[in-house]
N, C-alpha and C. Protein backbone atom coordinates (compact mmCIF):
# COMPACT_ATOMS: atom_id res chain seq x y z
N MET A 1 18.71 -23.93 -3.62
CA MET A 1 17.91 -25.12 -3.70
C MET A 1 16.70 -24.83 -4.58
N ALA A 2 16.66 -25.40 -5.71
CA ALA A 2 15.53 -25.26 -6.62
C ALA A 2 14.92 -26.63 -6.85
N GLY A 3 13.69 -26.63 -7.19
CA GLY A 3 13.03 -27.90 -7.42
C GLY A 3 12.37 -27.91 -8.78
N GLY A 4 12.11 -29.07 -9.29
CA GLY A 4 11.43 -29.18 -10.58
C GLY A 4 12.28 -28.65 -11.71
N TRP A 5 11.68 -27.81 -12.53
CA TRP A 5 12.38 -27.31 -13.71
C TRP A 5 13.07 -25.96 -13.47
N SER A 6 12.97 -25.40 -12.30
CA SER A 6 13.57 -24.10 -12.06
C SER A 6 15.08 -24.21 -11.84
N ARG A 7 15.77 -23.14 -12.10
CA ARG A 7 17.22 -23.14 -11.95
C ARG A 7 17.58 -22.83 -10.51
N ASP A 8 18.83 -23.04 -10.15
CA ASP A 8 19.30 -22.75 -8.80
C ASP A 8 19.16 -21.26 -8.50
N GLY A 9 18.68 -20.97 -7.31
CA GLY A 9 18.52 -19.59 -6.89
C GLY A 9 17.20 -18.95 -7.30
N ALA A 10 16.34 -19.68 -8.00
CA ALA A 10 15.08 -19.10 -8.46
C ALA A 10 14.16 -18.75 -7.30
N VAL A 11 14.15 -19.55 -6.27
CA VAL A 11 13.29 -19.30 -5.12
C VAL A 11 13.73 -18.01 -4.43
N ASN A 12 15.03 -17.84 -4.23
CA ASN A 12 15.53 -16.62 -3.60
C ASN A 12 15.24 -15.39 -4.45
N GLU A 13 15.33 -15.52 -5.75
CA GLU A 13 15.00 -14.40 -6.64
C GLU A 13 13.53 -14.02 -6.51
N GLN A 14 12.67 -15.01 -6.39
CA GLN A 14 11.24 -14.74 -6.23
C GLN A 14 10.96 -14.04 -4.91
N ILE A 15 11.61 -14.48 -3.85
CA ILE A 15 11.43 -13.86 -2.55
C ILE A 15 11.92 -12.41 -2.58
N GLU A 16 13.09 -12.17 -3.13
CA GLU A 16 13.63 -10.82 -3.21
C GLU A 16 12.75 -9.92 -4.07
N ALA A 17 12.21 -10.45 -5.16
CA ALA A 17 11.32 -9.65 -6.01
C ALA A 17 10.04 -9.29 -5.27
N SER A 18 9.51 -10.22 -4.51
CA SER A 18 8.30 -9.95 -3.74
C SER A 18 8.55 -8.88 -2.68
N ILE A 19 9.69 -8.96 -2.02
CA ILE A 19 10.04 -7.98 -0.99
C ILE A 19 10.23 -6.60 -1.62
N SER A 20 10.92 -6.52 -2.73
CA SER A 20 11.14 -5.22 -3.35
C SER A 20 9.83 -4.63 -3.88
N ASP A 21 8.92 -5.48 -4.37
CA ASP A 21 7.61 -4.98 -4.81
C ASP A 21 6.83 -4.41 -3.63
N GLU A 22 6.86 -5.09 -2.51
CA GLU A 22 6.12 -4.63 -1.33
C GLU A 22 6.73 -3.34 -0.78
N LEU A 23 8.05 -3.24 -0.77
CA LEU A 23 8.71 -2.01 -0.32
C LEU A 23 8.35 -0.83 -1.22
N ALA A 24 8.30 -1.06 -2.52
CA ALA A 24 7.91 0.00 -3.45
C ALA A 24 6.47 0.44 -3.21
N ARG A 25 5.59 -0.53 -2.93
CA ARG A 25 4.20 -0.20 -2.66
C ARG A 25 4.08 0.62 -1.38
N MET A 26 4.86 0.26 -0.36
CA MET A 26 4.81 0.99 0.91
C MET A 26 5.36 2.41 0.76
N LYS A 27 6.41 2.57 -0.03
CA LYS A 27 6.98 3.90 -0.23
C LYS A 27 6.01 4.81 -0.96
N ALA A 28 5.17 4.23 -1.81
CA ALA A 28 4.19 5.03 -2.55
C ALA A 28 3.10 5.56 -1.63
N ARG A 29 2.90 4.92 -0.48
CA ARG A 29 1.86 5.33 0.46
C ARG A 29 2.42 6.21 1.57
N ARG A 30 3.36 7.01 1.30
CA ARG A 30 3.96 7.88 2.32
C ARG A 30 2.96 8.90 2.82
N ALA A 31 3.31 9.53 3.90
CA ALA A 31 2.46 10.56 4.50
C ALA A 31 2.32 11.74 3.55
N PRO A 32 1.21 12.47 3.66
CA PRO A 32 1.02 13.63 2.79
C PRO A 32 2.07 14.71 3.05
N VAL A 33 2.32 15.48 2.03
CA VAL A 33 3.28 16.59 2.14
C VAL A 33 2.60 17.88 1.74
N GLY A 34 3.19 18.97 2.10
CA GLY A 34 2.64 20.27 1.75
C GLY A 34 1.84 20.86 2.89
N GLU A 35 1.04 21.87 2.57
CA GLU A 35 0.25 22.56 3.57
C GLU A 35 -1.05 21.80 3.83
N SER A 36 -1.42 21.72 5.10
CA SER A 36 -2.66 21.05 5.47
C SER A 36 -3.86 21.89 5.05
N LEU A 37 -4.95 21.21 4.73
CA LEU A 37 -6.19 21.91 4.43
C LEU A 37 -6.94 22.17 5.73
N SER A 38 -7.72 23.22 5.75
CA SER A 38 -8.52 23.50 6.95
C SER A 38 -9.83 22.73 6.92
N HIS A 39 -10.29 22.34 5.73
CA HIS A 39 -11.51 21.55 5.58
C HIS A 39 -11.21 20.31 4.73
N CYS A 40 -11.94 19.25 5.02
CA CYS A 40 -11.74 17.96 4.36
C CYS A 40 -11.96 18.09 2.85
N ALA A 41 -11.13 17.44 2.06
CA ALA A 41 -11.24 17.48 0.61
C ALA A 41 -12.44 16.69 0.10
N GLU A 42 -12.99 15.78 0.91
CA GLU A 42 -14.11 14.96 0.46
C GLU A 42 -15.45 15.45 1.00
N CYS A 43 -15.54 15.71 2.31
CA CYS A 43 -16.84 16.03 2.91
C CYS A 43 -16.97 17.49 3.33
N GLU A 44 -15.92 18.27 3.20
CA GLU A 44 -15.92 19.71 3.54
C GLU A 44 -16.09 19.99 5.04
N GLU A 45 -15.97 18.98 5.89
CA GLU A 45 -16.02 19.20 7.34
C GLU A 45 -14.68 19.80 7.78
N PRO A 46 -14.67 20.63 8.84
CA PRO A 46 -13.41 21.19 9.31
C PRO A 46 -12.48 20.10 9.87
N ILE A 47 -11.21 20.23 9.57
CA ILE A 47 -10.20 19.32 10.11
C ILE A 47 -9.68 19.93 11.40
N PRO A 48 -9.71 19.18 12.51
CA PRO A 48 -9.25 19.75 13.79
C PRO A 48 -7.80 20.23 13.72
N GLU A 49 -7.53 21.29 14.44
CA GLU A 49 -6.19 21.88 14.47
C GLU A 49 -5.14 20.87 14.94
N ALA A 50 -5.50 20.05 15.92
CA ALA A 50 -4.54 19.06 16.43
C ALA A 50 -4.15 18.07 15.34
N ARG A 51 -5.09 17.67 14.50
CA ARG A 51 -4.78 16.74 13.40
C ARG A 51 -3.88 17.42 12.37
N ARG A 52 -4.18 18.68 12.07
CA ARG A 52 -3.35 19.41 11.10
C ARG A 52 -1.93 19.60 11.61
N ALA A 53 -1.78 19.78 12.92
CA ALA A 53 -0.45 19.96 13.50
C ALA A 53 0.30 18.63 13.55
N ALA A 54 -0.42 17.54 13.81
CA ALA A 54 0.23 16.23 13.93
C ALA A 54 0.62 15.67 12.58
N LEU A 55 -0.17 15.94 11.54
CA LEU A 55 0.09 15.41 10.20
C LEU A 55 0.17 16.55 9.19
N PRO A 56 1.34 17.15 9.03
CA PRO A 56 1.46 18.22 8.05
C PRO A 56 1.09 17.72 6.65
N GLY A 57 0.25 18.46 5.96
CA GLY A 57 -0.16 18.08 4.62
C GLY A 57 -1.43 17.25 4.58
N VAL A 58 -2.09 17.09 5.72
CA VAL A 58 -3.30 16.26 5.77
C VAL A 58 -4.40 16.92 4.94
N LYS A 59 -5.15 16.10 4.20
CA LYS A 59 -6.20 16.60 3.31
C LYS A 59 -7.58 16.08 3.69
N LEU A 60 -7.65 15.04 4.54
CA LEU A 60 -8.92 14.41 4.88
C LEU A 60 -9.17 14.46 6.38
N CYS A 61 -10.46 14.52 6.76
CA CYS A 61 -10.81 14.44 8.17
C CYS A 61 -10.63 12.99 8.64
N ILE A 62 -10.76 12.76 9.91
CA ILE A 62 -10.52 11.43 10.47
C ILE A 62 -11.50 10.42 9.91
N ASP A 63 -12.79 10.79 9.83
CA ASP A 63 -13.80 9.85 9.33
C ASP A 63 -13.54 9.44 7.89
N CYS A 64 -13.25 10.40 7.03
CA CYS A 64 -12.99 10.08 5.62
C CYS A 64 -11.71 9.27 5.47
N GLN A 65 -10.68 9.57 6.27
CA GLN A 65 -9.44 8.82 6.21
C GLN A 65 -9.66 7.38 6.66
N GLN A 66 -10.45 7.17 7.72
CA GLN A 66 -10.73 5.81 8.17
C GLN A 66 -11.53 5.05 7.13
N GLU A 67 -12.46 5.72 6.48
CA GLU A 67 -13.24 5.06 5.43
C GLU A 67 -12.34 4.66 4.27
N ARG A 68 -11.43 5.54 3.90
CA ARG A 68 -10.51 5.25 2.79
C ARG A 68 -9.55 4.12 3.15
N ASP A 69 -9.05 4.13 4.39
CA ASP A 69 -8.13 3.08 4.82
C ASP A 69 -8.83 1.73 4.90
N GLY A 70 -10.11 1.73 5.25
CA GLY A 70 -10.85 0.48 5.37
C GLY A 70 -11.27 -0.11 4.04
N ALA A 71 -11.34 0.72 3.01
CA ALA A 71 -11.76 0.23 1.70
C ALA A 71 -10.68 -0.67 1.13
N SER A 72 -11.11 -1.82 0.64
CA SER A 72 -10.12 -2.74 0.07
C SER A 72 -9.81 -2.33 -1.36
N ARG A 73 -8.55 -2.32 -1.66
CA ARG A 73 -8.09 -1.99 -3.00
C ARG A 73 -7.41 -3.21 -3.58
N PRO A 74 -7.75 -3.57 -4.80
CA PRO A 74 -7.07 -4.72 -5.40
C PRO A 74 -5.60 -4.41 -5.62
N ARG A 75 -4.78 -5.39 -5.33
CA ARG A 75 -3.35 -5.23 -5.54
C ARG A 75 -2.97 -5.91 -6.83
N GLY A 76 -2.32 -5.18 -7.67
CA GLY A 76 -1.88 -5.72 -8.95
C GLY A 76 -0.58 -6.46 -8.78
N GLY A 77 -0.67 -7.68 -8.32
CA GLY A 77 0.53 -8.45 -8.10
C GLY A 77 0.67 -9.55 -9.13
N ILE A 78 1.83 -10.08 -9.18
CA ILE A 78 2.11 -11.19 -10.07
C ILE A 78 2.18 -12.44 -9.23
N ASN A 79 1.51 -13.47 -9.66
CA ASN A 79 1.54 -14.73 -8.96
C ASN A 79 2.87 -15.41 -9.27
N ARG A 80 3.77 -15.36 -8.30
CA ARG A 80 5.10 -15.92 -8.53
C ARG A 80 5.20 -17.36 -8.07
N ARG A 81 4.14 -17.87 -7.48
CA ARG A 81 4.18 -19.26 -7.04
C ARG A 81 3.90 -20.16 -8.22
N GLY A 82 4.53 -21.29 -8.23
CA GLY A 82 4.38 -22.19 -9.37
C GLY A 82 3.43 -23.34 -9.13
N SER A 83 2.76 -23.37 -7.98
CA SER A 83 1.90 -24.51 -7.72
C SER A 83 0.60 -24.41 -8.51
N LYS A 84 0.03 -25.54 -8.81
CA LYS A 84 -1.20 -25.58 -9.58
C LYS A 84 -2.34 -24.90 -8.81
N ASP A 85 -2.40 -25.11 -7.51
CA ASP A 85 -3.48 -24.53 -6.72
C ASP A 85 -3.48 -23.01 -6.79
N SER A 86 -2.31 -22.38 -6.73
CA SER A 86 -2.26 -20.92 -6.74
C SER A 86 -2.65 -20.38 -8.11
N GLN A 87 -2.47 -21.13 -9.17
CA GLN A 87 -2.82 -20.66 -10.50
C GLN A 87 -4.31 -20.81 -10.77
N LEU A 88 -4.99 -21.65 -10.01
CA LEU A 88 -6.42 -21.86 -10.22
C LEU A 88 -7.27 -20.82 -9.48
N LYS A 89 -6.69 -20.12 -8.53
CA LYS A 89 -7.47 -19.16 -7.73
C LYS A 89 -7.76 -17.90 -8.50
């Protein structure tokens, strides 16, 4: 079901493209790998042994990780919606 000037199946293609983009973004944010650091890479505070054991390859202390997770990062997405309102934002 397509509307306007789009061809049949265009809506489904847009949905599938959005899902695959989001899956690729999530895969890029996988857990750290390798050997854990004993001290934080940003603030040089010691990383607790329990955290190093729970997350192999961890590089940041809890405070720095929470700060990084809370920081908003712009997402480079493509506006796939065709409505006028979405193009004006």
